[in-house]
């Protein structure tokens, strides 16, 4: 589970390397809240902790959700420089495609009329796929025809861990 923490290495390096007298503005981007540092390696944890100190150099800090902003303020980042800009989705490009959905169901051997619960997220401990799998077991007891699909890239070691957990829970 000790994978790279999703913090901006570029932001950290920029804050460390940007000369103080330069007129260039430094903007931090924050995209995570409630990070459990015990799930990441020591270097990633150190970089995460350094954000509080390095944020003093930032002219602006952009969080992608109110929860991320609240977490950052709670960690000690300067509240007066944090704004929230929610993630955006291009609804013209990202709209349902029934034909593609049926193609995926066939590829995954899921009946066309089956109830499917999906999770689309990178494979990272922060996304708590284990909780989803445990909930799936509970849900499947009352809905044996339900199917669960996790889609996302990430470290093969974490994917293997999730597959092992799914198998141990009786989910294939």
Protein backbone atom coordinates (compact mmCIF):
# COMPACT_ATOMS: atom_id res chain seq x y z
CA UNK A 1 0.00 0.00 0.00
CA UNK A 2 2.98 2.31 0.13
CA UNK A 3 2.47 4.09 -3.16
CA UNK A 4 3.12 7.64 -4.29
CA UNK A 5 0.91 10.20 -2.59
CA UNK A 6 -1.12 12.29 -5.08
CA UNK A 7 0.48 15.60 -4.22
CA UNK A 8 2.13 17.89 -6.67
CA UNK A 9 5.85 17.26 -6.79
CA UNK A 10 6.05 20.19 -9.21
CA UNK A 11 4.40 22.49 -6.66
CA UNK A 12 6.77 21.37 -3.92
CA UNK A 13 9.83 21.81 -6.12
CA UNK A 14 8.63 25.19 -7.38
CA UNK A 15 8.14 26.43 -3.82
CA UNK A 16 11.61 25.26 -2.87
CA UNK A 17 13.41 26.54 -5.96
CA UNK A 18 11.57 29.76 -6.86
CA UNK A 19 13.75 32.72 -5.87
CA UNK A 20 11.97 35.07 -3.46
CA UNK A 21 12.53 38.20 -5.56
CA UNK A 22 11.00 36.80 -8.76
CA UNK A 23 7.73 38.36 -9.92
CA UNK A 24 6.35 34.96 -10.93
CA UNK A 25 3.29 33.99 -8.94
CA UNK A 26 3.26 30.58 -7.28
CA UNK A 27 -0.05 28.69 -7.24
CA UNK A 28 -0.49 25.48 -5.27
CA UNK A 29 -3.02 22.86 -6.33
CA UNK A 30 -4.63 20.67 -3.66
CA UNK A 31 -6.67 17.61 -4.60
CA UNK A 32 -6.85 15.44 -1.48
CA UNK A 33 -8.31 15.53 2.03
CA UNK A 34 -8.08 13.17 4.95
CA UNK A 35 -4.83 11.63 3.79
CA UNK A 36 -3.71 8.69 5.91
CA UNK A 37 0.06 9.01 5.80
CA UNK A 38 0.57 5.47 7.13
CA UNK A 39 -0.50 4.21 3.69
CA UNK A 40 2.36 5.94 1.86
CA UNK A 41 6.12 5.80 1.84
CA UNK A 42 8.28 8.10 3.97
CA UNK A 43 9.25 10.45 1.12
CA UNK A 44 5.62 10.98 0.10
CA UNK A 45 4.63 11.62 3.72
CA UNK A 46 7.47 14.13 4.11
CA UNK A 47 6.39 15.98 0.94
CA UNK A 48 2.79 16.06 2.18
CA UNK A 49 3.82 17.47 5.54
CA UNK A 50 6.08 20.03 3.85
CA UNK A 51 3.06 21.59 2.09
CA UNK A 52 2.16 23.46 5.29
CA UNK A 53 5.57 25.10 5.46
CA UNK A 54 5.91 25.67 1.70
CA UNK A 55 2.38 27.08 1.36
CA UNK A 56 3.62 30.29 2.96
CA UNK A 57 5.33 30.99 -0.37
CA UNK A 58 2.17 30.46 -2.41
CA UNK A 59 0.30 33.46 -3.78
CA UNK A 60 -2.80 31.33 -4.29
CA UNK A 61 -3.86 27.82 -3.32
CA UNK A 62 -6.56 26.13 -5.39
CA UNK A 63 -8.50 23.27 -3.79
CA UNK A 64 -10.81 21.11 -5.87
CA UNK A 65 -13.47 20.75 -3.15
CA UNK A 66 -14.67 22.43 0.04
CA UNK A 67 -13.60 19.34 2.00
CA UNK A 68 -10.08 19.68 0.61
CA UNK A 69 -10.03 23.36 1.62
CA UNK A 70 -11.25 22.56 5.14
CA UNK A 71 -8.63 19.83 5.49
CA UNK A 72 -5.88 22.20 4.29
CA UNK A 73 -6.93 24.92 6.73
CA UNK A 74 -7.00 22.32 9.49
CA UNK A 75 -3.44 21.30 8.60
CA UNK A 76 -2.30 24.90 8.86
CA UNK A 77 -2.29 26.18 5.28
CA UNK A 78 -3.25 29.88 5.04
CA UNK A 79 -7.05 30.06 4.76
CA UNK A 80 -7.02 33.54 3.24
CA UNK A 81 -5.18 32.25 0.15
CA UNK A 82 -7.24 29.11 -0.51
CA UNK A 83 -10.01 29.18 -3.10
CA UNK A 84 -12.20 26.30 -4.23
CA UNK A 85 -12.48 25.51 -7.93
CA UNK A 86 -14.47 22.28 -8.28
CA UNK A 87 -13.41 19.68 -10.80
CA UNK A 88 -15.18 20.22 -14.08
CA UNK A 89 -16.66 17.69 -16.46
CA UNK A 90 -17.25 18.41 -20.12
CA UNK A 91 -20.81 17.09 -20.36
CA UNK A 92 -20.74 17.30 -24.16
CA UNK A 93 -17.81 14.91 -24.34
CA UNK A 94 -18.70 12.80 -21.30
CA UNK A 95 -22.23 11.57 -21.84
CA UNK A 96 -23.70 8.08 -21.66
CA UNK A 97 -23.08 5.82 -24.64
CA UNK A 98 -25.48 2.87 -24.41
CA UNK A 99 -23.74 0.96 -27.19
CA UNK A 100 -20.35 1.21 -25.46
CA UNK A 101 -22.00 0.18 -22.20
CA UNK A 102 -23.44 -2.96 -23.75
CA UNK A 103 -20.05 -3.73 -25.32
CA UNK A 104 -18.40 -3.53 -21.89
CA UNK A 105 -21.08 -5.73 -20.35
CA UNK A 106 -20.44 -8.36 -23.00
CA UNK A 107 -16.67 -8.13 -22.50
CA UNK A 108 -17.14 -8.49 -18.72
CA UNK A 109 -19.80 -11.20 -19.17
CA UNK A 110 -22.48 -9.18 -17.40
CA UNK A 111 -26.08 -9.63 -18.62
CA UNK A 112 -27.59 -6.62 -20.40
CA UNK A 113 -30.30 -6.18 -17.78
CA UNK A 114 -28.11 -6.75 -14.68
CA UNK A 115 -27.83 -4.13 -11.94
CA UNK A 116 -24.27 -2.76 -11.99
CA UNK A 117 -22.53 -0.61 -9.37
CA UNK A 118 -19.34 0.99 -10.60
CA UNK A 119 -16.40 2.84 -9.15
CA UNK A 120 -14.23 4.86 -11.51
CA UNK A 121 -11.13 6.07 -9.68
CA UNK A 122 -7.41 5.60 -9.69
CA UNK A 123 -6.30 2.59 -7.69
CA UNK A 124 -5.03 4.32 -4.58
CA UNK A 125 -5.58 3.54 -0.91
CA UNK A 126 -7.04 7.04 -0.53
CA UNK A 127 -10.01 6.01 -2.69
CA UNK A 128 -10.89 3.27 -0.15
CA UNK A 129 -11.77 0.51 -2.59
CA UNK A 130 -11.61 -1.94 0.34
CA UNK A 131 -14.62 -0.21 1.90
CA UNK A 132 -16.51 -0.54 -1.39
CA UNK A 133 -15.70 -4.25 -1.56
CA UNK A 134 -16.91 -4.81 2.00
CA UNK A 135 -20.11 -2.90 1.22
CA UNK A 136 -20.53 -4.95 -1.96
CA UNK A 137 -20.58 -8.17 0.07
CA UNK A 138 -23.33 -6.78 2.29
CA UNK A 139 -25.34 -5.49 -0.68
CA UNK A 140 -24.93 -8.72 -2.64
CA UNK A 141 -26.54 -10.74 0.19
CA UNK A 142 -29.88 -9.10 -0.62
CA UNK A 143 -29.22 -8.55 -4.33
CA UNK A 144 -27.41 -11.65 -5.63
CA UNK A 145 -27.87 -10.50 -9.23
CA UNK A 146 -25.85 -7.30 -8.64
CA UNK A 147 -22.46 -6.81 -10.28
CA UNK A 148 -19.66 -4.54 -9.08
CA UNK A 149 -17.01 -3.02 -11.33
CA UNK A 150 -13.93 -1.03 -10.38
CA UNK A 151 -12.20 0.82 -13.20
CA UNK A 152 -8.95 2.71 -12.83
CA UNK A 153 -5.22 2.53 -13.17
CA UNK A 154 -2.67 2.29 -10.44
CA UNK A 155 0.17 0.26 -9.01
CA UNK A 156 -0.13 -3.45 -9.87
CA UNK A 157 0.65 -4.32 -6.24
CA UNK A 158 -2.43 -2.44 -5.04
CA UNK A 159 -4.59 -3.97 -7.79
CA UNK A 160 -3.39 -7.42 -6.71
CA UNK A 161 -4.19 -6.60 -3.09
CA UNK A 162 -7.73 -5.55 -4.04
CA UNK A 163 -8.22 -8.70 -6.13
CA UNK A 164 -7.08 -10.83 -3.18
CA UNK A 165 -9.48 -9.00 -0.87
CA UNK A 166 -12.35 -9.44 -3.35
CA UNK A 167 -11.62 -13.14 -3.61
CA UNK A 168 -11.40 -13.54 0.18
CA UNK A 169 -14.82 -11.86 0.46
CA UNK A 170 -16.32 -14.21 -2.12
CA UNK A 171 -16.46 -11.60 -4.89
CA UNK A 172 -14.95 -12.61 -8.20
